[in-house]
Each structure stands twice: as C-alpha cells, then as structure tokens.
C-alpha cells in the first residue's frame, strides 16, 4: 500500500473527495483505512469525469484507480465497494456538469488539495 500511495502522490498531483451518499450510509468493513480508500476511489472517479470534460483527454485517473485496486489486492467485496465509489462519483458529476465551467475547474483543484491531505495522512498512519 505504501508504494502505491507514494506513487500516487508523485504521479497524480494528489486527489480525494467526500464520500458518496451511498458510501456514507454503508457500513464500511475492511482494513482500518478503508473509508479513506473509498474516499480516494470516489475522488478518482470525480477527477476522471471532470478532467476529461475540461480538456484533459487521458485515462490518468482511471489508470490510478486500477493501480489502487492492484496494490490493495482487494477481495471481491472490497473491489466492488471501491469501484462503486469511483463510478458513483463519476456519474454524480456527469449528471451535474455537461460543460467545463469555472466551478468544475475549482472542483478539480479542490479534489487535488484534499487528496494531498488524505494521502499524507494515509502514509503517516499506515505506511511502513
């Protein structure tokens, strides 16, 4: 996990968002950092949609999600929860933004800043 987080910090520029409504109401099981991982997965989904909408036509955020899943070696339930968080946040922004706006650009910046804080916390508490 530490290797992924350090790689994520360096490669992506940091990101995280609030839990999706579904993830907030679900009981979260798994390692002690599971809620942070769900937040991270949701953020990657948000960034994937918003970045592509605002002209960054890459798969960087989806690729990061795949790396997260690989690094975590998540069982089927955890994998499903993480993918759900990614997809729910992606769809949420797709439902609300049909074109790149100043608000969308601000959201991208906000997610990156939140991600930096979350990633640093994860490394500090759970890194080796």
C-alpha atoms as a PDB file:
ATOM      1  CA  UNK A   1       0.000   0.000   0.000  1.00  0.00           C
ATOM      2  CA  UNK A   2       2.788   2.431   0.851  1.00  0.00           C
ATOM      3  CA  UNK A   3       4.358   2.039  -2.576  1.00  0.00           C
ATOM      4  CA  UNK A   4       1.050   2.850  -4.237  1.00  0.00           C
ATOM      5  CA  UNK A   5       0.411   5.905  -2.084  1.00  0.00           C
ATOM      6  CA  UNK A   6       3.865   7.323  -2.673  1.00  0.00           C
ATOM      7  CA  UNK A   7       3.483   6.640  -6.392  1.00  0.00           C
ATOM      8  CA  UNK A   8       0.032   8.176  -6.328  1.00  0.00           C
ATOM      9  CA  UNK A   9       1.328  11.282  -4.555  1.00  0.00           C
ATOM     10  CA  UNK A  10       4.073  11.778  -7.088  1.00  0.00           C
ATOM     11  CA  UNK A  11       2.206  10.868 -10.278  1.00  0.00           C
ATOM     12  CA  UNK A  12      -1.274  12.263  -9.859  1.00  0.00           C
ATOM     13  CA  UNK A  13      -0.799  15.506  -8.033  1.00  0.00           C
ATOM     14  CA  UNK A  14      -2.987  14.277  -5.164  1.00  0.00           C
ATOM     15  CA  UNK A  15      -6.741  13.870  -5.028  1.00  0.00           C
ATOM     16  CA  UNK A  16      -9.686  12.929  -2.854  1.00  0.00           C
ATOM     17  CA  UNK A  17     -13.353  13.838  -2.459  1.00  0.00           C
ATOM     18  CA  UNK A  18     -16.109  13.465   0.067  1.00  0.00           C
ATOM     19  CA  UNK A  19     -17.728  10.075   0.373  1.00  0.00           C
ATOM     20  CA  UNK A  20     -20.595   9.448  -1.973  1.00  0.00           C
ATOM     21  CA  UNK A  21     -24.021   9.308  -0.352  1.00  0.00           C
ATOM     22  CA  UNK A  22     -24.090   5.545  -0.802  1.00  0.00           C
ATOM     23  CA  UNK A  23     -20.704   5.033   0.812  1.00  0.00           C
ATOM     24  CA  UNK A  24     -21.679   7.271   3.728  1.00  0.00           C
ATOM     25  CA  UNK A  25     -24.692   5.129   4.536  1.00  0.00           C
ATOM     26  CA  UNK A  26     -22.962   1.769   4.063  1.00  0.00           C
ATOM     27  CA  UNK A  27     -21.131   0.120   6.894  1.00  0.00           C
ATOM     28  CA  UNK A  28     -17.519   0.077   5.812  1.00  0.00           C
ATOM     29  CA  UNK A  29     -15.555  -3.079   6.513  1.00  0.00           C
ATOM     30  CA  UNK A  30     -12.009  -3.962   5.677  1.00  0.00           C
ATOM     31  CA  UNK A  31      -8.699  -2.578   6.854  1.00  0.00           C
ATOM     32  CA  UNK A  32      -8.707   0.396   9.248  1.00  0.00           C
ATOM     33  CA  UNK A  33      -8.023   2.763   6.345  1.00  0.00           C
ATOM     34  CA  UNK A  34     -10.970   1.534   4.246  1.00  0.00           C
ATOM     35  CA  UNK A  35     -13.034   4.726   4.496  1.00  0.00           C
ATOM     36  CA  UNK A  36     -10.062   6.750   3.228  1.00  0.00           C
ATOM     37  CA  UNK A  37      -9.617   4.308   0.343  1.00  0.00           C
ATOM     38  CA  UNK A  38     -13.284   4.679  -0.574  1.00  0.00           C
ATOM     39  CA  UNK A  39     -12.883   8.458  -0.498  1.00  0.00           C
ATOM     40  CA  UNK A  40      -9.845   8.156  -2.721  1.00  0.00           C
ATOM     41  CA  UNK A  41     -11.670   5.907  -5.182  1.00  0.00           C
ATOM     42  CA  UNK A  42     -14.582   8.349  -5.344  1.00  0.00           C
ATOM     43  CA  UNK A  43     -12.228  11.232  -5.936  1.00  0.00           C
ATOM     44  CA  UNK A  44     -10.558   9.408  -8.783  1.00  0.00           C
ATOM     45  CA  UNK A  45     -13.984   8.953 -10.381  1.00  0.00           C
ATOM     46  CA  UNK A  46     -14.789  12.648  -9.976  1.00  0.00           C
ATOM     47  CA  UNK A  47     -11.442  13.680 -11.388  1.00  0.00           C
ATOM     48  CA  UNK A  48     -11.726  11.257 -14.281  1.00  0.00           C
ATOM     49  CA  UNK A  49     -15.000  12.830 -15.376  1.00  0.00           C
ATOM     50  CA  UNK A  50     -14.144  16.478 -14.684  1.00  0.00           C
ATOM     51  CA  UNK A  51     -10.637  16.369 -16.149  1.00  0.00           C
ATOM     52  CA  UNK A  52     -11.877  14.819 -19.371  1.00  0.00           C
ATOM     53  CA  UNK A  53     -14.717  17.331 -19.507  1.00  0.00           C
ATOM     54  CA  UNK A  54     -12.249  20.184 -19.122  1.00  0.00           C
ATOM     55  CA  UNK A  55      -9.961  19.044 -21.924  1.00  0.00           C
ATOM     56  CA  UNK A  56      -7.525  16.604 -20.322  1.00  0.00           C
ATOM     57  CA  UNK A  57      -8.474  13.643 -22.535  1.00  0.00           C
ATOM     58  CA  UNK A  58      -6.448  10.972 -20.774  1.00  0.00           C
ATOM     59  CA  UNK A  59      -7.168   7.900 -18.711  1.00  0.00           C
ATOM     60  CA  UNK A  60      -4.819   9.003 -15.915  1.00  0.00           C
ATOM     61  CA  UNK A  61      -7.429   8.873 -13.144  1.00  0.00           C
ATOM     62  CA  UNK A  62      -8.924   5.573 -14.289  1.00  0.00           C
ATOM     63  CA  UNK A  63      -5.399   4.148 -14.549  1.00  0.00           C
ATOM     64  CA  UNK A  64      -4.732   5.323 -10.992  1.00  0.00           C
ATOM     65  CA  UNK A  65      -7.905   3.553  -9.888  1.00  0.00           C
ATOM     66  CA  UNK A  66      -6.687   0.332 -11.499  1.00  0.00           C
ATOM     67  CA  UNK A  67      -3.337   0.751  -9.727  1.00  0.00           C
ATOM     68  CA  UNK A  68      -5.140   1.273  -6.431  1.00  0.00           C
ATOM     69  CA  UNK A  69      -7.099  -1.972  -6.913  1.00  0.00           C
ATOM     70  CA  UNK A  70      -3.954  -3.868  -7.856  1.00  0.00           C
ATOM     71  CA  UNK A  71      -1.922  -2.506  -4.955  1.00  0.00           C
ATOM     72  CA  UNK A  72      -4.659  -3.248  -2.436  1.00  0.00           C
ATOM     73  CA  UNK A  73      -5.205  -6.808  -3.696  1.00  0.00           C
ATOM     74  CA  UNK A  74      -8.821  -6.236  -2.756  1.00  0.00           C
ATOM     75  CA  UNK A  75     -11.148  -9.188  -2.350  1.00  0.00           C
ATOM     76  CA  UNK A  76     -14.337  -9.155  -4.429  1.00  0.00           C
ATOM     77  CA  UNK A  77     -16.382  -7.222  -1.838  1.00  0.00           C
ATOM     78  CA  UNK A  78     -13.747  -4.538  -1.301  1.00  0.00           C
ATOM     79  CA  UNK A  79     -13.130  -4.294  -5.027  1.00  0.00           C
ATOM     80  CA  UNK A  80     -16.857  -3.835  -5.635  1.00  0.00           C
ATOM     81  CA  UNK A  81     -17.073  -1.096  -2.970  1.00  0.00           C
ATOM     82  CA  UNK A  82     -14.076   0.777  -4.357  1.00  0.00           C
ATOM     83  CA  UNK A  83     -15.298   0.538  -7.954  1.00  0.00           C
ATOM     84  CA  UNK A  84     -18.757   1.630  -6.815  1.00  0.00           C
ATOM     85  CA  UNK A  85     -17.329   4.753  -5.168  1.00  0.00           C
ATOM     86  CA  UNK A  86     -15.412   5.577  -8.369  1.00  0.00           C
ATOM     87  CA  UNK A  87     -18.484   5.056 -10.575  1.00  0.00           C
ATOM     88  CA  UNK A  88     -20.917   6.848  -8.246  1.00  0.00           C
ATOM     89  CA  UNK A  89     -18.798   9.990  -8.119  1.00  0.00           C
ATOM     90  CA  UNK A  90     -18.176   9.848 -11.871  1.00  0.00           C
ATOM     91  CA  UNK A  91     -21.937   9.663 -12.504  1.00  0.00           C
ATOM     92  CA  UNK A  92     -22.703  12.356  -9.961  1.00  0.00           C
ATOM     93  CA  UNK A  93     -20.520  14.855 -11.783  1.00  0.00           C
ATOM     94  CA  UNK A  94     -21.749  13.664 -15.169  1.00  0.00           C
ATOM     95  CA  UNK A  95     -25.302  14.406 -14.007  1.00  0.00           C
ATOM     96  CA  UNK A  96     -24.359  17.935 -12.942  1.00  0.00           C
ATOM     97  CA  UNK A  97     -21.777  19.125 -15.470  1.00  0.00           C
ATOM     98  CA  UNK A  98     -22.235  18.990 -19.222  1.00  0.00           C
ATOM     99  CA  UNK A  99     -19.510  21.518 -20.000  1.00  0.00           C
ATOM    100  CA  UNK A 100     -16.347  22.737 -18.351  1.00  0.00           C
ATOM    101  CA  UNK A 101     -17.085  25.700 -16.102  1.00  0.00           C
ATOM    102  CA  UNK A 102     -15.164  27.733 -13.565  1.00  0.00           C
ATOM    103  CA  UNK A 103     -16.873  25.650 -10.876  1.00  0.00           C
ATOM    104  CA  UNK A 104     -15.669  22.427 -12.481  1.00  0.00           C
ATOM    105  CA  UNK A 105     -12.111  23.757 -12.598  1.00  0.00           C
ATOM    106  CA  UNK A 106     -12.352  24.791  -8.937  1.00  0.00           C
ATOM    107  CA  UNK A 107     -13.653  21.326  -8.051  1.00  0.00           C
ATOM    108  CA  UNK A 108     -10.636  19.727  -9.745  1.00  0.00           C
ATOM    109  CA  UNK A 109      -8.287  21.932  -7.715  1.00  0.00           C
ATOM    110  CA  UNK A 110     -10.200  21.228  -4.505  1.00  0.00           C
ATOM    111  CA  UNK A 111     -10.038  17.460  -5.063  1.00  0.00           C
ATOM    112  CA  UNK A 112      -6.308  17.633  -5.614  1.00  0.00           C
ATOM    113  CA  UNK A 113      -5.787  19.596  -2.394  1.00  0.00           C
ATOM    114  CA  UNK A 114      -7.978  17.228  -0.382  1.00  0.00           C
ATOM    115  CA  UNK A 115      -6.142  14.291  -1.903  1.00  0.00           C
ATOM    116  CA  UNK A 116      -2.825  15.643  -0.816  1.00  0.00           C
ATOM    117  CA  UNK A 117      -4.033  15.815   2.781  1.00  0.00           C
ATOM    118  CA  UNK A 118      -5.644  12.376   2.671  1.00  0.00           C
ATOM    119  CA  UNK A 119      -2.623  10.732   1.044  1.00  0.00           C
ATOM    120  CA  UNK A 120      -0.233  12.267   3.558  1.00  0.00           C
ATOM    121  CA  UNK A 121      -2.451  11.037   6.388  1.00  0.00           C
ATOM    122  CA  UNK A 122      -2.589   7.524   4.999  1.00  0.00           C
ATOM    123  CA  UNK A 123       1.170   7.356   4.590  1.00  0.00           C
ATOM    124  CA  UNK A 124       1.765   8.813   8.063  1.00  0.00           C
ATOM    125  CA  UNK A 125      -0.612   6.407   9.803  1.00  0.00           C
ATOM    126  CA  UNK A 126      -0.402   3.237   7.722  1.00  0.00           C
ATOM    127  CA  UNK A 127       2.816   3.457   5.713  1.00  0.00           C
ATOM    128  CA  UNK A 128       5.817   1.320   6.578  1.00  0.00           C
END
